[in-house]
């Protein structure tokens, strides 16, 4: 899965703000039940509900949906995940 920094960067580029609180809320269930939280919370409806609970900002819901889409894309494409993390570590990406 993309790191919090990557999720924040995607939101900043596409929505103008990092939406840290939304992404942290999306990842809270990662502690329990662990990686299986994606099956529970990464559909558009669940992501929208979590976003609405975490922020009143009108773009919080799109930020949460982008979070879910990035998780899915990186799950399916390990090379994409590795590229994003490599760029992050190299300091090329700023969130």
N, C-alpha and C. Protein backbone atom coordinates (compact mmCIF):
# COMPACT_ATOMS: atom_id res chain seq x y z
N UNK A 1 0.83 -1.17 0.00
CA UNK A 1 0.00 0.00 0.00
C UNK A 1 0.88 1.24 0.00
N UNK A 2 0.40 2.28 -0.63
CA UNK A 2 1.16 3.53 -0.59
C UNK A 2 1.24 4.06 0.85
N UNK A 3 2.31 4.74 1.12
CA UNK A 3 2.48 5.34 2.44
C UNK A 3 1.55 6.55 2.60
N UNK A 4 1.44 7.01 3.82
CA UNK A 4 0.65 8.21 4.09
C UNK A 4 1.17 9.38 3.25
N UNK A 5 2.48 9.47 3.14
CA UNK A 5 3.08 10.57 2.38
C UNK A 5 2.63 10.53 0.92
N UNK A 6 2.57 9.34 0.34
CA UNK A 6 2.13 9.20 -1.05
C UNK A 6 0.66 9.58 -1.17
N UNK A 7 -0.17 9.10 -0.25
CA UNK A 7 -1.60 9.47 -0.29
C UNK A 7 -1.77 10.99 -0.20
N UNK A 8 -1.01 11.62 0.68
CA UNK A 8 -1.10 13.07 0.83
C UNK A 8 -0.65 13.79 -0.43
N UNK A 9 0.39 13.28 -1.07
CA UNK A 9 0.89 13.88 -2.30
C UNK A 9 -0.16 13.80 -3.41
N UNK A 10 -0.78 12.65 -3.56
CA UNK A 10 -1.81 12.48 -4.59
C UNK A 10 -2.93 13.49 -4.36
N UNK A 11 -3.37 13.63 -3.13
CA UNK A 11 -4.43 14.60 -2.83
C UNK A 11 -3.98 16.03 -3.10
N UNK A 12 -2.75 16.33 -2.72
CA UNK A 12 -2.26 17.69 -2.92
C UNK A 12 -2.20 18.04 -4.40
N UNK A 13 -1.72 17.11 -5.20
CA UNK A 13 -1.60 17.35 -6.64
C UNK A 13 -2.98 17.47 -7.29
N UNK A 14 -3.88 16.57 -6.94
CA UNK A 14 -5.18 16.53 -7.61
C UNK A 14 -6.26 17.41 -6.98
N UNK A 15 -6.15 17.65 -5.67
CA UNK A 15 -7.22 18.38 -4.97
C UNK A 15 -6.75 19.69 -4.33
N UNK A 16 -5.44 19.92 -4.36
CA UNK A 16 -4.93 21.18 -3.83
C UNK A 16 -4.52 21.18 -2.37
N UNK A 17 -4.86 20.12 -1.64
CA UNK A 17 -4.51 19.99 -0.22
C UNK A 17 -4.16 18.54 0.07
N UNK A 18 -3.36 18.28 1.11
CA UNK A 18 -2.96 16.90 1.39
C UNK A 18 -4.02 16.04 2.08
N UNK A 19 -4.99 16.63 2.73
CA UNK A 19 -6.06 15.90 3.42
C UNK A 19 -5.50 14.82 4.36
N UNK A 20 -4.55 15.23 5.18
CA UNK A 20 -3.89 14.31 6.12
C UNK A 20 -4.88 13.60 7.03
N UNK A 21 -5.83 14.35 7.59
CA UNK A 21 -6.77 13.75 8.53
C UNK A 21 -7.61 12.66 7.85
N UNK A 22 -8.01 12.91 6.61
CA UNK A 22 -8.80 11.91 5.88
C UNK A 22 -7.98 10.63 5.69
N UNK A 23 -6.73 10.79 5.24
CA UNK A 23 -5.90 9.61 4.98
C UNK A 23 -5.55 8.86 6.27
N UNK A 24 -5.34 9.59 7.34
CA UNK A 24 -5.08 8.93 8.63
C UNK A 24 -6.32 8.17 9.08
N UNK A 25 -7.49 8.74 8.87
CA UNK A 25 -8.74 8.05 9.22
C UNK A 25 -8.91 6.80 8.39
N UNK A 26 -8.58 6.89 7.11
CA UNK A 26 -8.69 5.73 6.22
C UNK A 26 -7.76 4.60 6.67
N UNK A 27 -6.62 4.97 7.24
CA UNK A 27 -5.63 3.96 7.64
C UNK A 27 -5.78 3.47 9.07
N UNK A 28 -6.60 4.12 9.88
CA UNK A 28 -6.76 3.68 11.28
C UNK A 28 -7.15 2.21 11.38
N UNK A 29 -8.08 1.74 10.56
CA UNK A 29 -8.43 0.32 10.67
C UNK A 29 -7.31 -0.63 10.26
N UNK A 30 -6.20 -0.11 9.73
CA UNK A 30 -5.10 -0.98 9.31
C UNK A 30 -4.47 -1.70 10.49
N UNK A 31 -4.60 -1.13 11.68
CA UNK A 31 -4.03 -1.78 12.86
C UNK A 31 -4.83 -3.01 13.24
N UNK A 32 -6.11 -2.93 13.10
CA UNK A 32 -6.97 -4.09 13.35
C UNK A 32 -8.20 -3.95 12.48
N UNK A 33 -8.45 -4.75 11.53
CA UNK A 33 -7.99 -6.11 11.29
C UNK A 33 -6.76 -6.24 10.40
N UNK A 34 -5.91 -5.25 10.35
CA UNK A 34 -4.70 -5.35 9.55
C UNK A 34 -4.98 -5.09 8.08
N UNK A 35 -4.23 -5.77 7.22
CA UNK A 35 -4.36 -5.55 5.78
C UNK A 35 -5.77 -5.81 5.27
N UNK A 36 -6.54 -6.60 5.98
CA UNK A 36 -7.91 -6.89 5.56
C UNK A 36 -8.82 -5.66 5.65
N UNK A 37 -8.33 -4.58 6.29
CA UNK A 37 -9.16 -3.37 6.37
C UNK A 37 -9.50 -2.84 4.99
N UNK A 38 -8.64 -3.13 3.99
CA UNK A 38 -8.91 -2.65 2.64
C UNK A 38 -10.19 -3.25 2.10
N UNK A 39 -10.45 -4.50 2.40
CA UNK A 39 -11.68 -5.14 1.93
C UNK A 39 -12.91 -4.52 2.58
N UNK A 40 -12.74 -3.98 3.77
CA UNK A 40 -13.87 -3.41 4.50
C UNK A 40 -14.09 -1.93 4.20
N UNK A 41 -13.03 -1.20 3.96
CA UNK A 41 -13.15 0.26 3.91
C UNK A 41 -12.73 0.89 2.59
N UNK A 42 -12.26 0.13 1.63
CA UNK A 42 -11.76 0.74 0.41
C UNK A 42 -12.73 0.70 -0.75
N UNK A 43 -13.99 0.53 -0.47
CA UNK A 43 -14.99 0.70 -1.53
C UNK A 43 -15.45 2.16 -1.47
N UNK A 44 -16.01 2.68 -2.56
CA UNK A 44 -16.39 4.10 -2.59
C UNK A 44 -17.37 4.52 -1.50
N UNK A 45 -18.31 3.68 -1.15
CA UNK A 45 -19.30 4.07 -0.13
C UNK A 45 -18.65 4.16 1.25
N UNK A 46 -17.90 3.14 1.63
CA UNK A 46 -17.22 3.17 2.94
C UNK A 46 -16.21 4.31 3.02
N UNK A 47 -15.45 4.50 1.94
CA UNK A 47 -14.47 5.59 1.91
C UNK A 47 -15.18 6.94 2.08
N UNK A 48 -16.31 7.10 1.41
CA UNK A 48 -17.08 8.34 1.51
C UNK A 48 -17.58 8.57 2.92
N UNK A 49 -18.07 7.52 3.55
CA UNK A 49 -18.56 7.64 4.93
C UNK A 49 -17.44 8.00 5.90
N UNK A 50 -16.29 7.34 5.76
CA UNK A 50 -15.16 7.66 6.63
C UNK A 50 -14.71 9.11 6.43
N UNK A 51 -14.70 9.56 5.17
CA UNK A 51 -14.30 10.93 4.89
C UNK A 51 -15.27 11.92 5.50
N UNK A 52 -16.56 11.65 5.35
CA UNK A 52 -17.58 12.54 5.90
C UNK A 52 -17.48 12.63 7.42
N UNK A 53 -17.09 11.54 8.05
CA UNK A 53 -16.93 11.54 9.50
C UNK A 53 -15.67 12.28 9.95
N UNK A 54 -14.66 12.31 9.08
CA UNK A 54 -13.38 12.90 9.48
C UNK A 54 -13.23 14.37 9.10
N UNK A 55 -14.05 14.85 8.16
CA UNK A 55 -13.88 16.23 7.71
C UNK A 55 -15.18 16.77 7.11
N UNK A 56 -15.38 18.05 7.29
CA UNK A 56 -16.55 18.73 6.69
C UNK A 56 -16.19 19.32 5.33
N UNK A 57 -14.93 19.25 4.96
CA UNK A 57 -14.46 19.81 3.69
C UNK A 57 -15.14 19.09 2.52
N UNK A 58 -15.56 19.84 1.54
CA UNK A 58 -16.25 19.28 0.39
C UNK A 58 -15.42 18.33 -0.45
N UNK A 59 -14.10 18.43 -0.36
CA UNK A 59 -13.24 17.54 -1.13
C UNK A 59 -12.70 16.38 -0.30
N UNK A 60 -13.17 16.23 0.92
CA UNK A 60 -12.72 15.11 1.75
C UNK A 60 -13.15 13.77 1.14
N UNK A 61 -14.35 13.72 0.61
CA UNK A 61 -14.83 12.46 0.01
C UNK A 61 -14.00 12.09 -1.21
N UNK A 62 -13.75 13.02 -2.15
CA UNK A 62 -12.86 12.65 -3.26
C UNK A 62 -11.46 12.23 -2.77
N UNK A 63 -10.96 12.86 -1.71
CA UNK A 63 -9.64 12.47 -1.17
C UNK A 63 -9.66 11.03 -0.68
N UNK A 64 -10.73 10.64 -0.01
CA UNK A 64 -10.85 9.27 0.49
C UNK A 64 -10.98 8.28 -0.66
N UNK A 65 -11.73 8.65 -1.67
CA UNK A 65 -11.87 7.76 -2.83
C UNK A 65 -10.54 7.62 -3.55
N UNK A 66 -9.77 8.71 -3.66
CA UNK A 66 -8.43 8.62 -4.25
C UNK A 66 -7.54 7.71 -3.42
N UNK A 67 -7.67 7.76 -2.11
CA UNK A 67 -6.92 6.87 -1.21
C UNK A 67 -7.22 5.42 -1.56
N UNK A 68 -8.50 5.10 -1.67
CA UNK A 68 -8.90 3.73 -1.98
C UNK A 68 -8.41 3.31 -3.36
N UNK A 69 -8.50 4.21 -4.34
CA UNK A 69 -8.04 3.89 -5.69
C UNK A 69 -6.53 3.68 -5.73
N UNK A 70 -5.79 4.50 -4.99
CA UNK A 70 -4.33 4.33 -4.95
C UNK A 70 -3.96 3.00 -4.30
N UNK A 71 -4.68 2.63 -3.24
CA UNK A 71 -4.43 1.33 -2.61
C UNK A 71 -4.66 0.20 -3.60
N UNK A 72 -5.75 0.28 -4.33
CA UNK A 72 -6.07 -0.76 -5.30
C UNK A 72 -5.04 -0.80 -6.42
N UNK A 73 -4.66 0.37 -6.95
CA UNK A 73 -3.69 0.42 -8.04
C UNK A 73 -2.34 -0.15 -7.60
N UNK A 74 -1.91 0.20 -6.40
CA UNK A 74 -0.62 -0.30 -5.93
C UNK A 74 -0.68 -1.77 -5.54
N UNK A 75 -1.85 -2.26 -5.17
CA UNK A 75 -2.01 -3.70 -4.89
C UNK A 75 -1.87 -4.50 -6.18
N UNK A 76 -2.41 -3.95 -7.25
CA UNK A 76 -2.38 -4.66 -8.53
C UNK A 76 -1.08 -4.46 -9.28
N UNK A 77 -0.39 -3.35 -9.02
CA UNK A 77 0.80 -3.02 -9.78
C UNK A 77 1.95 -2.73 -8.82
N UNK A 78 2.70 -3.77 -8.52
CA UNK A 78 3.81 -3.64 -7.56
C UNK A 78 4.88 -2.68 -8.08
N UNK A 79 5.06 -2.62 -9.40
CA UNK A 79 6.05 -1.72 -9.97
C UNK A 79 5.67 -0.26 -9.71
N UNK A 80 4.39 0.05 -9.80
CA UNK A 80 3.92 1.41 -9.50
C UNK A 80 4.20 1.76 -8.05
N UNK A 81 3.87 0.85 -7.15
CA UNK A 81 4.13 1.09 -5.73
C UNK A 81 5.62 1.31 -5.48
N UNK A 82 6.44 0.48 -6.07
CA UNK A 82 7.88 0.59 -5.87
C UNK A 82 8.40 1.92 -6.43
N UNK A 83 7.89 2.34 -7.59
CA UNK A 83 8.30 3.61 -8.17
C UNK A 83 7.92 4.78 -7.26
N UNK A 84 6.69 4.79 -6.78
CA UNK A 84 6.25 5.87 -5.90
C UNK A 84 7.08 5.93 -4.62
N UNK A 85 7.34 4.79 -4.03
CA UNK A 85 8.12 4.76 -2.80
C UNK A 85 9.58 5.14 -3.06
N UNK A 86 10.14 4.73 -4.20
CA UNK A 86 11.51 5.09 -4.54
C UNK A 86 11.63 6.60 -4.74
N UNK A 87 10.68 7.18 -5.46
CA UNK A 87 10.70 8.63 -5.65
C UNK A 87 10.54 9.37 -4.33
N UNK A 88 9.70 8.85 -3.46
CA UNK A 88 9.51 9.46 -2.14
C UNK A 88 10.81 9.43 -1.36
N UNK A 89 11.47 8.26 -1.35
CA UNK A 89 12.71 8.11 -0.59
C UNK A 89 13.82 8.98 -1.18
N UNK A 90 13.79 9.17 -2.50
CA UNK A 90 14.80 9.99 -3.14
C UNK A 90 14.54 11.49 -2.93
N UNK A 91 13.43 11.80 -2.30
CA UNK A 91 13.11 13.20 -2.03
C UNK A 91 12.52 13.93 -3.21
N UNK A 92 12.11 13.19 -4.23
CA UNK A 92 11.54 13.82 -5.42
C UNK A 92 10.11 14.26 -5.21
N UNK A 93 9.42 13.63 -4.28
CA UNK A 93 8.02 13.93 -4.04
C UNK A 93 7.87 14.66 -2.72
N UNK A 94 7.18 15.75 -2.73
CA UNK A 94 6.93 16.52 -1.52
C UNK A 94 5.43 16.60 -1.28
N UNK A 95 4.98 16.16 -0.12
CA UNK A 95 3.55 16.24 0.19
C UNK A 95 3.28 17.46 1.03
